[in-house]
PDB file of N, CA and C in Angstrom:
ATOM      1  N   MET A   1     109.308  90.502  94.302  1.00  0.00           N
ATOM      2  CA  MET A   1     108.872  89.853  94.429  1.00  0.00           C
ATOM      3  C   MET A   1     106.828  90.064  94.118  1.00  0.00           C
ATOM      4  N   TYR A   2     106.348  90.947  94.004  1.00  0.00           N
ATOM      5  CA  TYR A   2     105.154  91.003  93.269  1.00  0.00           C
ATOM      6  C   TYR A   2     105.264  90.335  92.321  1.00  0.00           C
ATOM      7  N   TYR A   3     105.823  90.799  91.415  1.00  0.00           N
ATOM      8  CA  TYR A   3     105.565  90.065  89.966  1.00  0.00           C
ATOM      9  C   TYR A   3     105.811  88.740  89.963  1.00  0.00           C
ATOM     10  N   GLU A   4     106.815  88.100  90.862  1.00  0.00           N
ATOM     11  CA  GLU A   4     106.947  86.993  90.593  1.00  0.00           C
ATOM     12  C   GLU A   4     105.804  86.024  91.339  1.00  0.00           C
ATOM     13  N   LEU A   5     105.155  86.637  92.479  1.00  0.00           N
ATOM     14  CA  LEU A   5     104.210  86.158  93.247  1.00  0.00           C
ATOM     15  C   LEU A   5     102.820  86.256  92.438  1.00  0.00           C
ATOM     16  N   THR A   6     102.902  87.061  91.695  1.00  0.00           N
ATOM     17  CA  THR A   6     101.306  86.990  91.042  1.00  0.00           C
ATOM     18  C   THR A   6     101.731  86.167  89.509  1.00  0.00           C
ATOM     19  N   GLU A   7     103.032  86.269  88.848  1.00  0.00           N
ATOM     20  CA  GLU A   7     102.886  85.227  87.963  1.00  0.00           C
ATOM     21  C   GLU A   7     103.497  83.507  88.213  1.00  0.00           C
ATOM     22  N   GLN A   8     104.023  83.480  88.956  1.00  0.00           N
ATOM     23  CA  GLN A   8     104.014  81.985  89.924  1.00  0.00           C
ATOM     24  C   GLN A   8     102.988  81.373  90.548  1.00  0.00           C
ATOM     25  N   ARG A   9     102.348  82.108  91.212  1.00  0.00           N
ATOM     26  CA  ARG A   9     101.309  81.656  92.173  1.00  0.00           C
ATOM     27  C   ARG A   9     100.046  81.859  91.808  1.00  0.00           C
ATOM     28  N   ILE A  10      99.952  83.245  91.825  1.00  0.00           N
ATOM     29  CA  ILE A  10      98.211  83.494  91.759  1.00  0.00           C
ATOM     30  C   ILE A  10      97.629  83.142  90.169  1.00  0.00           C
ATOM     31  N   ARG A  11      98.460  83.736  89.201  1.00  0.00           N
ATOM     32  CA  ARG A  11      97.751  83.528  87.716  1.00  0.00           C
ATOM     33  C   ARG A  11      97.474  81.652  87.460  1.00  0.00           C
ATOM     34  N   ARG A  12      98.540  81.284  87.999  1.00  0.00           N
ATOM     35  CA  ARG A  12      98.452  79.652  87.166  1.00  0.00           C
ATOM     36  C   ARG A  12      97.658  78.990  88.189  1.00  0.00           C
ATOM     37  N   SER A  13      96.604  79.712  89.339  1.00  0.00           N
ATOM     38  CA  SER A  13      95.347  78.874  90.033  1.00  0.00           C
ATOM     39  C   SER A  13      94.334  79.386  89.599  1.00  0.00           C
ATOM     40  N   ALA A  14      93.097  78.717  90.338  1.00  0.00           N
ATOM     41  CA  ALA A  14      92.007  79.211  90.483  1.00  0.00           C
ATOM     42  C   ALA A  14      91.894  78.717  92.142  1.00  0.00           C
ATOM     43  N   PHE A  15      90.889  79.889  92.627  1.00  0.00           N
ATOM     44  CA  PHE A  15      90.975  80.132  94.157  1.00  0.00           C
ATOM     45  C   PHE A  15      89.333  80.012  94.313  1.00  0.00           C
ATOM     46  N   HIS A  16      88.849  78.875  95.254  1.00  0.00           N
ATOM     47  CA  HIS A  16      87.469  79.023  95.283  1.00  0.00           C
ATOM     48  C   HIS A  16      86.915  79.745  96.309  1.00  0.00           C
ATOM     49  N   CYS A  17      87.645  80.433  97.242  1.00  0.00           N
ATOM     50  CA  CYS A  17      87.362  81.703  98.349  1.00  0.00           C
ATOM     51  C   CYS A  17      88.547  82.506  98.581  1.00  0.00           C
ATOM     52  N   VAL A  18      88.614  83.368  99.020  1.00  0.00           N
ATOM     53  CA  VAL A  18      89.591  84.763  99.760  1.00  0.00           C
ATOM     54  C   VAL A  18      90.193  84.020 100.108  1.00  0.00           C
ATOM     55  N   GLU A  19      89.835  82.870 101.198  1.00  0.00           N
ATOM     56  CA  GLU A  19      90.718  82.066 102.295  1.00  0.00           C
ATOM     57  C   GLU A  19      92.046  81.562 101.376  1.00  0.00           C
ATOM     58  N   ASP A  20      91.495  80.996 100.373  1.00  0.00           N
ATOM     59  CA  ASP A  20      93.071  79.764  99.666  1.00  0.00           C
ATOM     60  C   ASP A  20      93.070  80.867  99.007  1.00  0.00           C
ATOM     61  N   LEU A  21      92.872  82.140  98.677  1.00  0.00           N
ATOM     62  CA  LEU A  21      94.040  83.066  97.704  1.00  0.00           C
ATOM     63  C   LEU A  21      95.120  83.152  99.332  1.00  0.00           C
ATOM     64  N   GLU A  22      94.440  83.719 100.539  1.00  0.00           N
ATOM     65  CA  GLU A  22      95.109  83.760 101.342  1.00  0.00           C
ATOM     66  C   GLU A  22      96.257  83.095 101.618  1.00  0.00           C
ATOM     67  N   GLN A  23      95.911  81.889 101.764  1.00  0.00           N
ATOM     68  CA  GLN A  23      96.659  80.872 101.935  1.00  0.00           C
ATOM     69  C   GLN A  23      97.966  80.723 101.218  1.00  0.00           C
ATOM     70  N   ALA A  24      97.306  80.801  99.678  1.00  0.00           N
ATOM     71  CA  ALA A  24      98.171  80.639  98.773  1.00  0.00           C
ATOM     72  C   ALA A  24      99.057  81.434  98.778  1.00  0.00           C
ATOM     73  N   ILE A  25      98.861  83.045  99.137  1.00  0.00           N
ATOM     74  CA  ILE A  25      99.971  84.337  99.024  1.00  0.00           C
ATOM     75  C   ILE A  25     101.331  83.549 100.294  1.00  0.00           C
ATOM     76  N   GLU A  26     100.235  83.341 101.402  1.00  0.00           N
ATOM     77  CA  GLU A  26     101.000  83.026 102.648  1.00  0.00           C
ATOM     78  C   GLU A  26     102.195  82.029 102.338  1.00  0.00           C
ATOM     79  N   ASP A  27     102.034  80.938 101.685  1.00  0.00           N
ATOM     80  CA  ASP A  27     102.644  79.741 101.945  1.00  0.00           C
ATOM     81  C   ASP A  27     103.583  80.150 100.634  1.00  0.00           C
ATOM     82  N   TYR A  28     103.300  81.010  99.706  1.00  0.00           N
ATOM     83  CA  TYR A  28     104.509  81.295  98.661  1.00  0.00           C
ATOM     84  C   TYR A  28     105.544  82.264  99.165  1.00  0.00           C
ATOM     85  N   ILE A  29     104.917  83.230 100.588  1.00  0.00           N
ATOM     86  CA  ILE A  29     105.698  83.718 100.911  1.00  0.00           C
ATOM     87  C   ILE A  29     106.619  83.141 102.564  1.00  0.00           C
ATOM     88  N   ALA A  30     106.045  82.348 102.510  1.00  0.00           N
ATOM     89  CA  ALA A  30     106.797  81.437 103.218  1.00  0.00           C
ATOM     90  C   ALA A  30     107.812  80.323 102.765  1.00  0.00           C
ATOM     91  N   ASN A  31     107.570  79.960 101.683  1.00  0.00           N
ATOM     92  CA  ASN A  31     108.473  79.213 100.867  1.00  0.00           C
ATOM     93  C   ASN A  31     109.620  80.051 100.371  1.00  0.00           C
ATOM     94  N   ASN A  32     109.440  81.368  99.854  1.00  0.00           N
ATOM     95  CA  ASN A  32     110.398  82.185  99.620  1.00  0.00           C
ATOM     96  C   ASN A  32     111.478  82.744 100.580  1.00  0.00           C
ATOM     97  N   ASN A  33     110.818  82.953 101.765  1.00  0.00           N
ATOM     98  CA  ASN A  33     111.679  83.517 102.726  1.00  0.00           C
ATOM     99  C   ASN A  33     112.413  82.217 103.206  1.00  0.00           C
ATOM    100  N   ALA A  34     112.109  81.033 103.120  1.00  0.00           N
ATOM    101  CA  ALA A  34     112.976  79.933 103.576  1.00  0.00           C
ATOM    102  C   ALA A  34     114.199  79.854 102.860  1.00  0.00           C
ATOM    103  N   ASN A  35     113.561  79.885 101.302  1.00  0.00           N
ATOM    104  CA  ASN A  35     114.859  79.633 100.254  1.00  0.00           C
ATOM    105  C   ASN A  35     114.764  81.178  99.852  1.00  0.00           C
ATOM    106  N   PRO A  36     115.257  82.484 100.640  1.00  0.00           N
ATOM    107  CA  PRO A  36     116.048  83.729  99.889  1.00  0.00           C
ATOM    108  C   PRO A  36     116.719  83.677  98.841  1.00  0.00           C
ATOM    109  N   LYS A  37     116.220  84.582  98.000  1.00  0.00           N
ATOM    110  CA  LYS A  37     117.377  84.790  96.392  1.00  0.00           C
ATOM    111  C   LYS A  37     117.771  86.453  96.573  1.00  0.00           C
ATOM    112  N   PRO A  38     118.723  87.194  96.962  1.00  0.00           N
ATOM    113  CA  PRO A  38     118.771  88.425  96.491  1.00  0.00           C
ATOM    114  C   PRO A  38     117.900  89.115  95.403  1.00  0.00           C
ATOM    115  N   PHE A  39     117.407  90.260  95.397  1.00  0.00           N
ATOM    116  CA  PHE A  39     116.895  90.608  94.699  1.00  0.00           C
ATOM    117  C   PHE A  39     118.178  91.726  93.516  1.00  0.00           C
ATOM    118  N   VAL A  40     118.290  91.868  92.011  1.00  0.00           N
ATOM    119  CA  VAL A  40     119.182  92.392  91.673  1.00  0.00           C
ATOM    120  C   VAL A  40     118.308  93.204  90.733  1.00  0.00           C
ATOM    121  N   TRP A  41     118.939  94.306  90.744  1.00  0.00           N
ATOM    122  CA  TRP A  41     118.620  95.629  90.168  1.00  0.00           C
ATOM    123  C   TRP A  41     118.824  95.177  88.520  1.00  0.00           C
ATOM    124  N   THR A  42     118.038  95.496  87.723  1.00  0.00           N
ATOM    125  CA  THR A  42     118.386  95.194  86.598  1.00  0.00           C
ATOM    126  C   THR A  42     118.420  97.092  85.586  1.00  0.00           C
ATOM    127  N   ALA A  43     118.188  97.877  86.389  1.00  0.00           N
ATOM    128  CA  ALA A  43     118.030  99.211  85.801  1.00  0.00           C
ATOM    129  C   ALA A  43     118.632 100.165  86.874  1.00  0.00           C
ATOM    130  N   SER A  44     119.416 101.318  86.102  1.00  0.00           N
ATOM    131  CA  SER A  44     120.312 102.411  86.679  1.00  0.00           C
ATOM    132  C   SER A  44     119.126 103.347  87.737  1.00  0.00           C
ATOM    133  N   ALA A  45     119.823 103.399  88.820  1.00  0.00           N
ATOM    134  CA  ALA A  45     119.219 104.663  89.566  1.00  0.00           C
ATOM    135  C   ALA A  45     118.558 106.048  88.625  1.00  0.00           C
ATOM    136  N   ASP A  46     119.157 106.114  88.003  1.00  0.00           N
ATOM    137  CA  ASP A  46     119.100 107.325  86.989  1.00  0.00           C
ATOM    138  C   ASP A  46     117.710 106.590  86.144  1.00  0.00           C
ATOM    139  N   LEU A  47     117.833 105.796  85.535  1.00  0.00           N
ATOM    140  CA  LEU A  47     116.329 105.850  85.088  1.00  0.00           C
ATOM    141  C   LEU A  47     115.165 105.407  85.734  1.00  0.00           C
ATOM    142  N   ILE A  48     115.567 104.655  87.003  1.00  0.00           N
ATOM    143  CA  ILE A  48     114.222 104.942  87.829  1.00  0.00           C
ATOM    144  C   ILE A  48     113.877 106.123  88.446  1.00  0.00           C
ATOM    145  N   LEU A  49     114.900 106.939  88.500  1.00  0.00           N
ATOM    146  CA  LEU A  49     114.403 108.356  89.175  1.00  0.00           C
ATOM    147  C   LEU A  49     114.013 109.154  87.928  1.00  0.00           C
ATOM    148  N   ASN A  50     114.264 109.165  86.712  1.00  0.00           N
ATOM    149  CA  ASN A  50     113.650 109.850  85.721  1.00  0.00           C
ATOM    150  C   ASN A  50     112.159 108.939  85.166  1.00  0.00           C
ATOM    151  N   LYS A  51     112.026 107.784  85.818  1.00  0.00           N
ATOM    152  CA  LYS A  51     110.596 107.542  85.311  1.00  0.00           C
ATOM    153  C   LYS A  51     109.578 107.981  86.937  1.00  0.00           C
ATOM    154  N   VAL A  52     110.168 107.870  87.887  1.00  0.00           N
ATOM    155  CA  VAL A  52     109.252 108.108  89.232  1.00  0.00           C
ATOM    156  C   VAL A  52     108.961 110.091  88.569  1.00  0.00           C
ATOM    157  N   LYS A  53     110.149 110.854  88.128  1.00  0.00           N
ATOM    158  CA  LYS A  53     109.964 112.185  88.160  1.00  0.00           C
ATOM    159  C   LYS A  53     108.901 112.408  86.578  1.00  0.00           C
ATOM    160  N   SER A  54     108.882 111.760  85.543  1.00  0.00           N
ATOM    161  CA  SER A  54     108.053 111.621  84.588  1.00  0.00           C
ATOM    162  C   SER A  54     106.181 111.549  85.050  1.00  0.00           C
ATOM    163  N   PHE A  55     106.325 110.290  85.925  1.00  0.00           N
ATOM    164  CA  PHE A  55     105.300 109.924  86.580  1.00  0.00           C
ATOM    165  C   PHE A  55     104.689 111.332  87.329  1.00  0.00           C
ATOM    166  N   CYS A  56     105.250 111.670  88.357  1.00  0.00           N
ATOM    167  CA  CYS A  56     105.260 112.883  88.795  1.00  0.00           C
ATOM    168  C   CYS A  56     104.610 113.933  88.597  1.00  0.00           C
ATOM    169  N   GLU A  57     105.297 114.401  87.433  1.00  0.00           N
ATOM    170  CA  GLU A  57     105.055 115.674  86.383  1.00  0.00           C
ATOM    171  C   GLU A  57     103.532 115.294  85.769  1.00  0.00           C
ATOM    172  N   ARG A  58     103.215 114.056  85.399  1.00  0.00           N
ATOM    173  CA  ARG A  58     102.001 113.712  84.582  1.00  0.00           C
ATOM    174  C   ARG A  58     101.358 113.919  85.591  1.00  0.00           C
ATOM    175  N   ILE A  59     101.365 113.104  87.076  1.00  0.00           N
ATOM    176  CA  ILE A  59     100.128 113.480  87.816  1.00  0.00           C
ATOM    177  C   ILE A  59      99.515 114.976  88.278  1.00  0.00           C
ATOM    178  N   ASN A  60     100.784 115.561  88.298  1.00  0.00           N
ATOM    179  CA  ASN A  60     100.871 116.946  88.876  1.00  0.00           C
ATOM    180  C   ASN A  60      99.954 117.681  87.757  1.00  0.00           C
ATOM    181  N   GLN A  61      99.896 117.361  86.531  1.00  0.00           N
ATOM    182  CA  GLN A  61      99.066 117.900  85.455  1.00  0.00           C
ATOM    183  C   GLN A  61      97.983 117.257  85.248  1.00  0.00           C
ATOM    184  N   SER A  62      97.359 116.423  86.043  1.00  0.00           N
ATOM    185  CA  SER A  62      95.969 115.754  86.183  1.00  0.00           C
ATOM    186  C   SER A  62      94.681 116.804  86.268  1.00  0.00           C
ATOM    187  N   GLY A  63      95.073 117.667  87.117  1.00  0.00           N
ATOM    188  CA  GLY A  63      93.956 118.516  87.317  1.00  0.00           C
ATOM    189  C   GLY A  63      93.032 117.950  88.680  1.00  0.00           C
ATOM    190  N   TYR A  64      93.437 117.129  89.526  1.00  0.00           N
ATOM    191  CA  TYR A  64      93.006 116.722  90.445  1.00  0.00           C
ATOM    192  C   TYR A  64      93.791 117.108  91.713  1.00  0.00           C
TER     193      TYR A  64
END
């Protein structure tokens, strides 16, 4: 949903203040919840878990 929110609502608009941005986000969520569509995963669980594992290995070796 976050990608869709960004692509369909936030990047296509200009906001004059934080309140306008917040209202746009709330409106998008309300509309999305009124017309829900199931999320369909396009990646396998193994692919996702391997990416998480790789990320964890990288951050563990970062020295922080």
